[in-house]
Amino acid sequence: MRKAILVLMAILILAACGGPEFRGSVMPEAMAVPDFELTDQTGAPWRLSDQRGNVVLLFFGYTSCPDVCPTTLATWRGVHEGLAGDAERTRFVFVTVDPERDTPEQLGRHVNVFNPDFVGLTGDADALAAVYDVFDVYYQKVEVPQSALGYLIDHTATTFVIDPEGTWRLRETYGTPVEDVVHDVRELLK
């Protein structure tokens, strides 16, 4: 009986020493994200390395997206509100997959509709491609001649979560509930 109690106590102690319980998809191996620089909605340079100490939520989309992108930004608005004071240490970053149409000004107007704290990023084709490659972002232009837009872009619908040390830790899939994202961000801010 005594051995059983000691074994149970050891199991409980080890369980208490484990890492955080995340609700998003944990990366099989945490990956340090190489620094990158893009242009924000004000025309200023934005560097990932300048975000150290903050959790970064990174999403790749475009301003004329009819569904996934605005839904994700609306979710982020809820996450921002749910984080309250912790939102100050969280960066919400929307990177365009449509640099032809998404100028810094257009990105600024778009993200500001959801929250003025959100950042919209663009850059030249090479700079954007390098960032897409890090996260294995899928994007494909789809011609839609019957639409006034002329084309849409199929793209990855995932929020990539980078911890305060610059390590890619989680993927929050499209449709993840606000409270789950809030939970995960708070775990990373501990």
N, C-alpha and C. Protein backbone atom coordinates (compact mmCIF):
# COMPACT_ATOMS: atom_id res chain seq x y z
N MET A 1 0.82 -1.19 0.00
CA MET A 1 0.00 0.00 0.00
C MET A 1 0.87 1.26 0.00
N ARG A 2 1.91 1.21 0.81
CA ARG A 2 2.81 2.35 0.89
C ARG A 2 3.47 2.63 -0.46
N LYS A 3 3.89 1.56 -1.16
CA LYS A 3 4.50 1.71 -2.48
C LYS A 3 3.52 2.34 -3.46
N ALA A 4 2.27 1.90 -3.40
CA ALA A 4 1.25 2.42 -4.30
C ALA A 4 1.05 3.92 -4.08
N ILE A 5 1.05 4.33 -2.82
CA ILE A 5 0.88 5.75 -2.50
C ILE A 5 2.08 6.55 -3.01
N LEU A 6 3.29 6.02 -2.82
CA LEU A 6 4.49 6.70 -3.30
C LEU A 6 4.50 6.81 -4.83
N VAL A 7 4.10 5.75 -5.50
CA VAL A 7 4.04 5.78 -6.96
C VAL A 7 3.01 6.82 -7.41
N LEU A 8 1.85 6.83 -6.78
CA LEU A 8 0.81 7.80 -7.13
C LEU A 8 1.29 9.23 -6.89
N MET A 9 1.98 9.46 -5.79
CA MET A 9 2.52 10.79 -5.50
C MET A 9 3.55 11.19 -6.55
N ALA A 10 4.40 10.26 -6.94
CA ALA A 10 5.41 10.56 -7.97
C ALA A 10 4.74 10.91 -9.29
N ILE A 11 3.71 10.19 -9.66
CA ILE A 11 2.98 10.47 -10.90
C ILE A 11 2.36 11.87 -10.84
N LEU A 12 1.74 12.21 -9.71
CA LEU A 12 1.12 13.52 -9.57
C LEU A 12 2.16 14.64 -9.62
N ILE A 13 3.31 14.42 -9.01
CA ILE A 13 4.36 15.44 -9.04
C ILE A 13 4.88 15.62 -10.46
N LEU A 14 5.11 14.51 -11.16
CA LEU A 14 5.58 14.61 -12.54
C LEU A 14 4.55 15.27 -13.44
N ALA A 15 3.28 14.96 -13.22
CA ALA A 15 2.23 15.60 -14.03
C ALA A 15 2.18 17.10 -13.78
N ALA A 16 2.40 17.51 -12.53
CA ALA A 16 2.39 18.93 -12.20
C ALA A 16 3.58 19.65 -12.81
N CYS A 17 4.66 18.93 -13.06
CA CYS A 17 5.87 19.54 -13.63
C CYS A 17 5.84 19.59 -15.15
N GLY A 18 4.82 19.01 -15.76
CA GLY A 18 4.75 19.00 -17.22
C GLY A 18 4.53 20.39 -17.78
N GLY A 19 4.64 20.50 -19.09
CA GLY A 19 4.44 21.77 -19.76
C GLY A 19 2.98 22.16 -19.81
N PRO A 20 2.72 23.27 -20.43
CA PRO A 20 1.34 23.75 -20.51
C PRO A 20 0.49 22.85 -21.39
N GLU A 21 -0.79 22.86 -21.12
CA GLU A 21 -1.76 22.13 -21.92
C GLU A 21 -2.35 23.10 -22.93
N PHE A 22 -1.97 22.92 -24.19
CA PHE A 22 -2.47 23.81 -25.23
C PHE A 22 -3.71 23.22 -25.87
N ARG A 23 -4.54 24.08 -26.42
CA ARG A 23 -5.75 23.65 -27.12
C ARG A 23 -5.55 23.65 -28.63
N GLY A 24 -4.59 24.41 -29.11
CA GLY A 24 -4.26 24.42 -30.54
C GLY A 24 -3.34 23.25 -30.85
N SER A 25 -2.97 23.12 -32.11
CA SER A 25 -2.08 22.04 -32.53
C SER A 25 -0.64 22.42 -32.20
N VAL A 26 -0.02 21.63 -31.34
CA VAL A 26 1.36 21.88 -30.92
C VAL A 26 2.29 21.39 -32.03
N MET A 27 3.28 22.19 -32.34
CA MET A 27 4.26 21.79 -33.34
C MET A 27 5.04 20.59 -32.82
N PRO A 28 5.25 19.57 -33.67
CA PRO A 28 5.99 18.39 -33.22
C PRO A 28 7.36 18.76 -32.66
N GLU A 29 7.98 19.73 -33.28
CA GLU A 29 9.24 20.29 -32.78
C GLU A 29 9.13 21.80 -32.88
N ALA A 30 9.29 22.46 -31.74
CA ALA A 30 9.26 23.93 -31.76
C ALA A 30 10.39 24.41 -32.67
N MET A 31 10.09 25.41 -33.48
CA MET A 31 11.06 25.89 -34.47
C MET A 31 11.32 27.38 -34.30
N ALA A 32 12.59 27.73 -34.12
CA ALA A 32 12.96 29.15 -34.09
C ALA A 32 12.67 29.73 -35.47
N VAL A 33 11.92 30.80 -35.51
CA VAL A 33 11.55 31.41 -36.79
C VAL A 33 12.65 32.38 -37.20
N PRO A 34 13.17 32.22 -38.43
CA PRO A 34 14.18 33.18 -38.89
C PRO A 34 13.59 34.59 -38.94
N ASP A 35 14.41 35.55 -38.61
CA ASP A 35 13.94 36.93 -38.65
C ASP A 35 13.54 37.30 -40.08
N PHE A 36 12.54 38.15 -40.17
CA PHE A 36 12.15 38.67 -41.48
C PHE A 36 11.69 40.11 -41.31
N GLU A 37 11.74 40.83 -42.42
CA GLU A 37 11.29 42.22 -42.43
C GLU A 37 10.33 42.40 -43.60
N LEU A 38 9.15 42.96 -43.28
CA LEU A 38 8.17 43.33 -44.29
C LEU A 38 7.76 44.77 -44.02
N THR A 39 6.80 45.27 -44.78
CA THR A 39 6.35 46.65 -44.65
C THR A 39 4.95 46.66 -44.04
N ASP A 40 4.77 47.46 -42.99
CA ASP A 40 3.46 47.51 -42.35
C ASP A 40 2.53 48.50 -43.05
N GLN A 41 1.33 48.63 -42.53
CA GLN A 41 0.30 49.44 -43.18
C GLN A 41 0.63 50.93 -43.17
N THR A 42 1.61 51.35 -42.39
CA THR A 42 2.00 52.76 -42.40
C THR A 42 3.17 53.01 -43.35
N GLY A 43 3.69 51.93 -43.96
CA GLY A 43 4.85 52.04 -44.84
C GLY A 43 6.17 51.85 -44.11
N ALA A 44 6.10 51.57 -42.81
CA ALA A 44 7.31 51.39 -42.00
C ALA A 44 7.77 49.93 -42.04
N PRO A 45 9.06 49.69 -41.84
CA PRO A 45 9.54 48.32 -41.75
C PRO A 45 9.03 47.65 -40.47
N TRP A 46 8.68 46.39 -40.59
CA TRP A 46 8.22 45.59 -39.45
C TRP A 46 9.09 44.35 -39.40
N ARG A 47 9.78 44.14 -38.28
CA ARG A 47 10.68 43.00 -38.13
C ARG A 47 10.16 42.06 -37.06
N LEU A 48 10.22 40.78 -37.34
CA LEU A 48 9.81 39.79 -36.34
C LEU A 48 10.68 39.91 -35.09
N SER A 49 11.97 40.12 -35.26
CA SER A 49 12.87 40.20 -34.11
C SER A 49 12.50 41.34 -33.15
N ASP A 50 11.84 42.37 -33.64
CA ASP A 50 11.41 43.48 -32.78
C ASP A 50 10.23 43.10 -31.90
N GLN A 51 9.65 41.93 -32.13
CA GLN A 51 8.47 41.51 -31.39
C GLN A 51 8.81 40.62 -30.20
N ARG A 52 10.10 40.35 -29.97
CA ARG A 52 10.50 39.49 -28.86
C ARG A 52 9.87 39.99 -27.56
N GLY A 53 9.45 39.05 -26.74
CA GLY A 53 8.76 39.37 -25.49
C GLY A 53 7.25 39.36 -25.65
N ASN A 54 6.79 39.24 -26.89
CA ASN A 54 5.35 39.20 -27.19
C ASN A 54 5.01 37.89 -27.91
N VAL A 55 3.78 37.47 -27.76
CA VAL A 55 3.26 36.38 -28.58
C VAL A 55 2.82 37.00 -29.90
N VAL A 56 3.15 36.34 -31.01
CA VAL A 56 2.75 36.83 -32.33
C VAL A 56 1.78 35.83 -32.95
N LEU A 57 0.59 36.32 -33.30
CA LEU A 57 -0.37 35.53 -34.07
C LEU A 57 -0.20 35.98 -35.52
N LEU A 58 0.12 35.04 -36.39
CA LEU A 58 0.45 35.36 -37.77
C LEU A 58 -0.52 34.63 -38.70
N PHE A 59 -1.16 35.39 -39.59
CA PHE A 59 -2.12 34.82 -40.53
C PHE A 59 -1.80 35.35 -41.92
N PHE A 60 -1.94 34.49 -42.91
CA PHE A 60 -1.68 34.87 -44.30
C PHE A 60 -3.00 34.90 -45.05
N GLY A 61 -3.36 36.07 -45.55
CA GLY A 61 -4.63 36.22 -46.25
C GLY A 61 -4.60 37.43 -47.17
N TYR A 62 -5.77 37.93 -47.53
CA TYR A 62 -5.84 39.10 -48.41
C TYR A 62 -7.10 39.88 -48.15
N THR A 63 -7.07 41.16 -48.44
CA THR A 63 -8.13 42.06 -48.03
C THR A 63 -9.45 41.86 -48.78
N SER A 64 -9.41 41.31 -49.98
CA SER A 64 -10.67 41.09 -50.70
C SER A 64 -11.17 39.65 -50.55
N CYS A 65 -10.63 38.92 -49.61
CA CYS A 65 -11.07 37.55 -49.30
C CYS A 65 -12.53 37.62 -48.81
N PRO A 66 -13.40 36.78 -49.37
CA PRO A 66 -14.81 36.88 -49.01
C PRO A 66 -15.22 36.14 -47.74
N ASP A 67 -14.36 35.29 -47.19
CA ASP A 67 -14.85 34.46 -46.09
C ASP A 67 -13.83 34.19 -44.98
N VAL A 68 -12.81 33.41 -45.26
CA VAL A 68 -11.87 32.95 -44.23
C VAL A 68 -11.15 34.12 -43.55
N CYS A 69 -10.67 35.07 -44.31
CA CYS A 69 -9.89 36.18 -43.74
C CYS A 69 -10.72 37.07 -42.81
N PRO A 70 -11.90 37.55 -43.25
CA PRO A 70 -12.66 38.38 -42.32
C PRO A 70 -13.14 37.60 -41.10
N THR A 71 -13.42 36.32 -41.28
CA THR A 71 -13.83 35.51 -40.13
C THR A 71 -12.68 35.37 -39.15
N THR A 72 -11.47 35.16 -39.66
CA THR A 72 -10.29 35.05 -38.79
C THR A 72 -10.04 36.36 -38.06
N LEU A 73 -10.12 37.48 -38.77
CA LEU A 73 -9.91 38.78 -38.13
C LEU A 73 -11.00 39.07 -37.09
N ALA A 74 -12.22 38.64 -37.33
CA ALA A 74 -13.29 38.80 -36.33
C ALA A 74 -12.98 37.94 -35.10
N THR A 75 -12.47 36.74 -35.32
CA THR A 75 -12.05 35.89 -34.19
C THR A 75 -10.94 36.59 -33.41
N TRP A 76 -9.97 37.14 -34.14
CA TRP A 76 -8.88 37.86 -33.47
C TRP A 76 -9.41 39.02 -32.63
N ARG A 77 -10.42 39.71 -33.14
CA ARG A 77 -11.01 40.81 -32.37
C ARG A 77 -11.51 40.27 -31.02
N GLY A 78 -12.17 39.12 -31.07
CA GLY A 78 -12.63 38.49 -29.83
C GLY A 78 -11.48 38.06 -28.93
N VAL A 79 -10.41 37.56 -29.54
CA VAL A 79 -9.22 37.17 -28.77
C VAL A 79 -8.62 38.40 -28.11
N HIS A 80 -8.48 39.47 -28.85
CA HIS A 80 -7.92 40.72 -28.32
C HIS A 80 -8.74 41.17 -27.10
N GLU A 81 -10.05 41.16 -27.24
CA GLU A 81 -10.93 41.57 -26.14
C GLU A 81 -10.79 40.60 -24.97
N GLY A 82 -10.75 39.29 -25.25
CA GLY A 82 -10.65 38.28 -24.21
C GLY A 82 -9.33 38.33 -23.44
N LEU A 83 -8.29 38.77 -24.11
CA LEU A 83 -6.98 38.86 -23.45
C LEU A 83 -6.89 40.05 -22.50
N ALA A 84 -7.74 41.04 -22.69
CA ALA A 84 -7.73 42.26 -21.88
C ALA A 84 -6.30 42.82 -21.81
N GLY A 85 -5.73 42.96 -20.63
CA GLY A 85 -4.40 43.54 -20.47
C GLY A 85 -3.30 42.74 -21.14
N ASP A 86 -3.50 41.43 -21.30
CA ASP A 86 -2.49 40.59 -21.97
C ASP A 86 -2.40 40.89 -23.47
N ALA A 87 -3.38 41.60 -24.01
CA ALA A 87 -3.34 41.95 -25.44
C ALA A 87 -2.17 42.89 -25.73
N GLU A 88 -1.69 43.61 -24.71
CA GLU A 88 -0.55 44.50 -24.91
C GLU A 88 0.71 43.74 -25.26
N ARG A 89 0.77 42.45 -24.89
CA ARG A 89 1.95 41.62 -25.18
C ARG A 89 1.65 40.60 -26.28
N THR A 90 0.66 40.91 -27.09
CA THR A 90 0.27 40.03 -28.19
C THR A 90 0.21 40.85 -29.47
N ARG A 91 0.82 40.33 -30.53
CA ARG A 91 0.81 41.01 -31.82
C ARG A 91 -0.06 40.20 -32.78
N PHE A 92 -1.00 40.86 -33.41
CA PHE A 92 -1.92 40.25 -34.37
C PHE A 92 -1.48 40.72 -35.75
N VAL A 93 -0.91 39.81 -36.54
CA VAL A 93 -0.22 40.20 -37.77
C VAL A 93 -0.83 39.47 -38.97
N PHE A 94 -1.34 40.25 -39.91
CA PHE A 94 -2.00 39.78 -41.12
C PHE A 94 -1.06 40.04 -42.30
N VAL A 95 -0.54 38.97 -42.90
CA VAL A 95 0.41 39.09 -44.02
C VAL A 95 -0.34 38.80 -45.32
N THR A 96 -0.23 39.68 -46.29
CA THR A 96 -0.96 39.50 -47.54
C THR A 96 -0.40 38.37 -48.39
N VAL A 97 -1.31 37.69 -49.08
CA VAL A 97 -0.93 36.75 -50.14
C VAL A 97 -1.34 37.33 -51.50
N ASP A 98 -1.74 38.61 -51.48
CA ASP A 98 -2.16 39.30 -52.70
C ASP A 98 -1.52 40.69 -52.78
N PRO A 99 -0.18 40.72 -52.90
CA PRO A 99 0.49 42.03 -52.91
C PRO A 99 0.14 42.90 -54.12
N GLU A 100 -0.43 42.31 -55.18
CA GLU A 100 -0.86 43.11 -56.32
C GLU A 100 -1.92 44.13 -55.93
N ARG A 101 -2.85 43.71 -55.09
CA ARG A 101 -3.95 44.58 -54.69
C ARG A 101 -3.77 45.16 -53.29
N ASP A 102 -3.09 44.45 -52.42
CA ASP A 102 -3.01 44.86 -51.02
C ASP A 102 -1.83 45.80 -50.77
N THR A 103 -2.07 47.07 -51.02
CA THR A 103 -1.09 48.11 -50.71
C THR A 103 -1.06 48.30 -49.19
N PRO A 104 -0.04 48.95 -48.67
CA PRO A 104 -0.05 49.25 -47.24
C PRO A 104 -1.32 50.00 -46.82
N GLU A 105 -1.76 50.95 -47.62
CA GLU A 105 -2.96 51.72 -47.28
C GLU A 105 -4.19 50.82 -47.23
N GLN A 106 -4.32 49.94 -48.22
CA GLN A 106 -5.45 49.01 -48.25
C GLN A 106 -5.41 48.08 -47.05
N LEU A 107 -4.24 47.56 -46.72
CA LEU A 107 -4.10 46.70 -45.54
C LEU A 107 -4.49 47.46 -44.27
N GLY A 108 -4.05 48.71 -44.17
CA GLY A 108 -4.38 49.51 -43.00
C GLY A 108 -5.88 49.71 -42.83
N ARG A 109 -6.54 50.07 -43.91
CA ARG A 109 -8.00 50.25 -43.84
C ARG A 109 -8.67 48.95 -43.42
N HIS A 110 -8.19 47.85 -43.97
CA HIS A 110 -8.81 46.55 -43.71
C HIS A 110 -8.64 46.10 -42.26
N VAL A 111 -7.41 46.08 -41.77
CA VAL A 111 -7.21 45.58 -40.40
C VAL A 111 -7.81 46.52 -39.37
N ASN A 112 -7.83 47.83 -39.67
CA ASN A 112 -8.40 48.80 -38.72
C ASN A 112 -9.89 48.61 -38.52
N VAL A 113 -10.58 48.05 -39.52
CA VAL A 113 -12.00 47.76 -39.35
C VAL A 113 -12.20 46.80 -38.18
N PHE A 114 -11.26 45.90 -37.98
CA PHE A 114 -11.37 44.89 -36.93
C PHE A 114 -10.75 45.35 -35.62
N ASN A 115 -9.59 45.99 -35.70
CA ASN A 115 -8.94 46.51 -34.50
C ASN A 115 -7.74 47.35 -34.91
N PRO A 116 -7.63 48.55 -34.40
CA PRO A 116 -6.49 49.40 -34.79
C PRO A 116 -5.14 48.87 -34.31
N ASP A 117 -5.13 47.92 -33.38
CA ASP A 117 -3.87 47.31 -32.93
C ASP A 117 -3.35 46.26 -33.90
N PHE A 118 -4.19 45.81 -34.83
CA PHE A 118 -3.76 44.77 -35.76
C PHE A 118 -2.79 45.36 -36.79
N VAL A 119 -1.88 44.52 -37.24
CA VAL A 119 -0.85 44.94 -38.20
C VAL A 119 -1.09 44.23 -39.53
N GLY A 120 -1.04 44.98 -40.62
CA GLY A 120 -1.10 44.41 -41.96
C GLY A 120 0.27 44.55 -42.61
N LEU A 121 0.76 43.45 -43.19
CA LEU A 121 2.10 43.46 -43.77
C LEU A 121 2.08 43.08 -45.25
N THR A 122 2.97 43.72 -45.99
CA THR A 122 3.22 43.38 -47.38
C THR A 122 4.72 43.51 -47.63
N GLY A 123 5.11 43.30 -48.86
CA GLY A 123 6.52 43.43 -49.22
C GLY A 123 6.70 43.06 -50.67
N ASP A 124 7.94 43.04 -51.11
CA ASP A 124 8.17 42.62 -52.49
C ASP A 124 8.03 41.11 -52.58
N ALA A 125 7.95 40.61 -53.80
CA ALA A 125 7.68 39.18 -54.03
C ALA A 125 8.69 38.28 -53.33
N ASP A 126 9.96 38.63 -53.37
CA ASP A 126 10.99 37.79 -52.75
C ASP A 126 10.87 37.76 -51.23
N ALA A 127 10.65 38.92 -50.63
CA ALA A 127 10.52 38.99 -49.17
C ALA A 127 9.31 38.21 -48.70
N LEU A 128 8.18 38.37 -49.40
CA LEU A 128 6.98 37.62 -49.03
C LEU A 128 7.18 36.12 -49.22
N ALA A 129 7.75 35.72 -50.35
CA ALA A 129 7.97 34.29 -50.63
C ALA A 129 8.83 33.65 -49.55
N ALA A 130 9.82 34.36 -49.06
CA ALA A 130 10.70 33.81 -48.01
C ALA A 130 9.89 33.53 -46.74
N VAL A 131 8.97 34.42 -46.40
CA VAL A 131 8.14 34.21 -45.21
C VAL A 131 7.14 33.08 -45.45
N TYR A 132 6.52 33.06 -46.62
CA TYR A 132 5.59 31.97 -46.95
C TYR A 132 6.30 30.62 -46.81
N ASP A 133 7.54 30.55 -47.27
CA ASP A 133 8.28 29.29 -47.23
C ASP A 133 8.52 28.81 -45.81
N VAL A 134 8.81 29.71 -44.90
CA VAL A 134 9.06 29.32 -43.51
C VAL A 134 7.86 28.56 -42.95
N PHE A 135 6.66 29.05 -43.25
CA PHE A 135 5.44 28.47 -42.69
C PHE A 135 4.73 27.52 -43.65
N ASP A 136 5.36 27.25 -44.79
CA ASP A 136 4.78 26.36 -45.80
C ASP A 136 3.36 26.80 -46.17
N VAL A 137 3.22 28.10 -46.43
CA VAL A 137 1.93 28.68 -46.76
C VAL A 137 1.56 28.35 -48.20
N TYR A 138 0.35 27.84 -48.37
CA TYR A 138 -0.19 27.57 -49.70
C TYR A 138 -0.97 28.81 -50.15
N TYR A 139 -0.78 29.19 -51.40
CA TYR A 139 -1.57 30.27 -51.99
C TYR A 139 -1.59 30.07 -53.50
N GLN A 140 -2.77 30.23 -54.07
CA GLN A 140 -2.95 29.99 -55.50
C GLN A 140 -4.02 30.93 -56.03
N LYS A 141 -3.66 31.72 -57.04
CA LYS A 141 -4.62 32.62 -57.66
C LYS A 141 -5.61 31.79 -58.47
N VAL A 142 -6.90 32.12 -58.32
CA VAL A 142 -7.97 31.43 -59.04
C VAL A 142 -8.75 32.48 -59.81
N GLU A 143 -8.68 32.41 -61.13
CA GLU A 143 -9.41 33.37 -61.97
C GLU A 143 -10.91 33.16 -61.81
N VAL A 144 -11.65 34.26 -61.64
CA VAL A 144 -13.10 34.24 -61.51
C VAL A 144 -13.63 35.33 -62.43
N PRO A 145 -13.71 35.04 -63.73
CA PRO A 145 -14.08 36.09 -64.70
C PRO A 145 -15.46 36.69 -64.48
N GLN A 146 -16.37 35.94 -63.88
CA GLN A 146 -17.72 36.47 -63.66
C GLN A 146 -17.79 37.39 -62.43
N SER A 147 -16.69 37.53 -61.70
CA SER A 147 -16.64 38.39 -60.52
C SER A 147 -15.99 39.73 -60.85
N ALA A 148 -16.45 40.77 -60.18
CA ALA A 148 -15.82 42.09 -60.35
C ALA A 148 -14.38 42.09 -59.87
N LEU A 149 -14.06 41.17 -58.96
CA LEU A 149 -12.68 41.08 -58.46
C LEU A 149 -11.72 40.52 -59.51
N GLY A 150 -12.24 39.67 -60.38
CA GLY A 150 -11.40 39.07 -61.42
C GLY A 150 -10.69 37.81 -60.97
N TYR A 151 -10.29 37.76 -59.72
CA TYR A 151 -9.66 36.55 -59.17
C TYR A 151 -9.80 36.52 -57.65
N LEU A 152 -9.73 35.32 -57.13
CA LEU A 152 -9.66 35.07 -55.70
C LEU A 152 -8.36 34.32 -55.45
N ILE A 153 -8.03 34.12 -54.19
CA ILE A 153 -6.82 33.37 -53.87
C ILE A 153 -7.17 32.29 -52.86
N ASP A 154 -6.93 31.05 -53.25
CA ASP A 154 -7.02 29.95 -52.29
C ASP A 154 -5.76 30.02 -51.45
N HIS A 155 -5.90 29.86 -50.13
CA HIS A 155 -4.72 29.99 -49.27
C HIS A 155 -4.88 29.22 -47.97
N THR A 156 -3.78 29.01 -47.32
CA THR A 156 -3.75 28.38 -46.00
C THR A 156 -4.63 29.18 -45.05
N ALA A 157 -5.40 28.48 -44.24
CA ALA A 157 -6.33 29.13 -43.32
C ALA A 157 -5.97 28.80 -41.87
N THR A 158 -4.75 29.07 -41.52
CA THR A 158 -4.22 28.75 -40.19
C THR A 158 -3.59 29.98 -39.58
N THR A 159 -3.76 30.14 -38.27
CA THR A 159 -3.01 31.16 -37.53
C THR A 159 -1.80 30.47 -36.93
N PHE A 160 -0.64 31.01 -37.21
CA PHE A 160 0.62 30.48 -36.69
C PHE A 160 0.96 31.27 -35.43
N VAL A 161 1.30 30.57 -34.36
CA VAL A 161 1.53 31.21 -33.08
C VAL A 161 3.01 31.10 -32.71
N ILE A 162 3.62 32.26 -32.52
CA ILE A 162 5.04 32.37 -32.20
C ILE A 162 5.16 32.86 -30.76
N ASP A 163 5.96 32.17 -29.97
CA ASP A 163 6.08 32.52 -28.55
C ASP A 163 6.98 33.74 -28.34
N PRO A 164 7.07 34.25 -27.11
CA PRO A 164 7.86 35.46 -26.86
C PRO A 164 9.36 35.35 -27.18
N GLU A 165 9.87 34.13 -27.33
CA GLU A 165 11.28 33.96 -27.68
C GLU A 165 11.50 33.85 -29.18
N GLY A 166 10.42 33.92 -29.97
CA GLY A 166 10.54 33.84 -31.43
C GLY A 166 10.47 32.42 -31.96
N THR A 167 9.87 31.51 -31.19
CA THR A 167 9.76 30.11 -31.57
C THR A 167 8.33 29.81 -32.00
N TRP A 168 8.19 29.16 -33.15
CA TRP A 168 6.87 28.76 -33.64
C TRP A 168 6.43 27.57 -32.81
N ARG A 169 5.37 27.74 -32.03
CA ARG A 169 4.92 26.72 -31.10
C ARG A 169 3.61 26.04 -31.47
N LEU A 170 2.68 26.81 -32.06
CA LEU A 170 1.32 26.30 -32.27
C LEU A 170 0.77 26.69 -33.62
N ARG A 171 -0.24 25.94 -34.02
CA ARG A 171 -1.10 26.27 -35.16
C ARG A 171 -2.52 26.29 -34.64
N GLU A 172 -3.20 27.39 -34.88
CA GLU A 172 -4.62 27.47 -34.53
C GLU A 172 -5.38 27.37 -35.85
N THR A 173 -6.12 26.30 -36.03
CA THR A 173 -6.81 26.08 -37.30
C THR A 173 -8.01 27.01 -37.43
N TYR A 174 -8.42 27.21 -38.65
CA TYR A 174 -9.58 28.06 -38.94
C TYR A 174 -10.77 27.53 -38.15
N GLY A 175 -11.45 28.44 -37.47
CA GLY A 175 -12.63 28.07 -36.70
C GLY A 175 -12.34 27.74 -35.24
N THR A 176 -11.08 27.83 -34.81
CA THR A 176 -10.78 27.59 -33.41
C THR A 176 -11.53 28.62 -32.57
N PRO A 177 -12.21 28.18 -31.51
CA PRO A 177 -12.97 29.12 -30.69
C PRO A 177 -12.07 30.18 -30.02
N VAL A 178 -12.62 31.36 -29.87
CA VAL A 178 -11.90 32.48 -29.27
C VAL A 178 -11.28 32.07 -27.93
N GLU A 179 -12.06 31.42 -27.08
CA GLU A 179 -11.57 31.09 -25.74
C GLU A 179 -10.38 30.13 -25.78
N ASP A 180 -10.30 29.29 -26.79
CA ASP A 180 -9.15 28.39 -26.92
C ASP A 180 -7.89 29.16 -27.31
N VAL A 181 -8.03 30.12 -28.20
CA VAL A 181 -6.87 30.93 -28.61
C VAL A 181 -6.42 31.78 -27.42
N VAL A 182 -7.36 32.38 -26.71
CA VAL A 182 -7.03 33.18 -25.52
C VAL A 182 -6.25 32.32 -24.52
N HIS A 183 -6.75 31.12 -24.28
CA HIS A 183 -6.07 30.20 -23.35
C HIS A 183 -4.64 29.95 -23.78
N ASP A 184 -4.44 29.63 -25.05
CA ASP A 184 -3.10 29.30 -25.54
C ASP A 184 -2.15 30.50 -25.47
N VAL A 185 -2.64 31.68 -25.82
CA VAL A 185 -1.79 32.87 -25.75
C VAL A 185 -1.39 33.12 -24.29
N ARG A 186 -2.33 32.99 -23.39
CA ARG A 186 -2.01 33.21 -21.96
C ARG A 186 -0.99 32.19 -21.46
N GLU A 187 -1.08 30.95 -21.94
CA GLU A 187 -0.10 29.93 -21.54
C GLU A 187 1.30 30.35 -22.01
N LEU A 188 1.38 30.90 -23.22
CA LEU A 188 2.68 31.30 -23.75
C LEU A 188 3.23 32.56 -23.09
N LEU A 189 2.36 33.36 -22.52
CA LEU A 189 2.79 34.59 -21.86
C LEU A 189 3.24 34.37 -20.42
N LYS A 190 3.02 33.17 -19.90
CA LYS A 190 3.41 32.88 -18.50
C LYS A 190 4.90 32.93 -18.33
